[in-house]
C-alpha atoms as a PDB file:
ATOM      1  CA  MET A   1     109.100 185.816 186.287  1.00  0.00           C
ATOM      2  CA  ARG A   2     112.572 185.730 184.535  1.00  0.00           C
ATOM      3  CA  LEU A   3     111.309 188.534 182.583  1.00  0.00           C
ATOM      4  CA  VAL A   4     110.456 190.637 185.414  1.00  0.00           C
ATOM      5  CA  ILE A   5     113.455 190.328 187.415  1.00  0.00           C
ATOM      6  CA  TYR A   6     114.912 191.713 183.915  1.00  0.00           C
ATOM      7  CA  THR A   7     113.493 194.359 183.738  1.00  0.00           C
ATOM      8  CA  ALA A   8     113.505 195.540 187.525  1.00  0.00           C
ATOM      9  CA  GLY A   9     117.446 194.936 187.070  1.00  0.00           C
ATOM     10  CA  ILE A  10     117.415 196.965 184.205  1.00  0.00           C
ATOM     11  CA  HIS A  11     115.393 200.282 186.017  1.00  0.00           C
ATOM     12  CA  ALA A  12     117.194 199.662 189.215  1.00  0.00           C
ATOM     13  CA  PHE A  13     120.515 200.374 186.857  1.00  0.00           C
ATOM     14  CA  ALA A  14     119.062 202.693 184.988  1.00  0.00           C
ATOM     15  CA  GLY A  15     118.138 205.140 188.372  1.00  0.00           C
ATOM     16  CA  PHE A  16     121.774 204.547 189.313  1.00  0.00           C
ATOM     17  CA  ILE A  17     123.195 205.934 186.150  1.00  0.00           C
ATOM     18  CA  MET A  18     120.859 208.680 186.095  1.00  0.00           C
ATOM     19  CA  LEU A  19     121.750 209.382 190.098  1.00  0.00           C
ATOM     20  CA  LEU A  20     125.237 209.567 189.340  1.00  0.00           C
ATOM     21  CA  PHE A  21     124.796 211.800 186.744  1.00  0.00           C
ATOM     22  CA  GLU A  22     122.817 214.252 188.533  1.00  0.00           C
ATOM     23  CA  LEU A  23     125.115 214.521 191.775  1.00  0.00           C
ATOM     24  CA  GLY A  24     128.380 214.788 189.104  1.00  0.00           C
ATOM     25  CA  GLY A  25     126.302 217.710 187.111  1.00  0.00           C
ATOM     26  CA  ARG A  26     125.648 219.367 191.069  1.00  0.00           C
ATOM     27  CA  ASN A  27     129.258 218.850 192.063  1.00  0.00           C
ATOM     28  CA  ARG A  28     130.533 221.024 188.695  1.00  0.00           C
END
């Protein structure tokens, strides 16, 4: 169960970083 939560956390974090990166690129 811990592994599932850990994997979900990584995916959520990666998705958040990608979203910020795309928004930053669009603003420029």
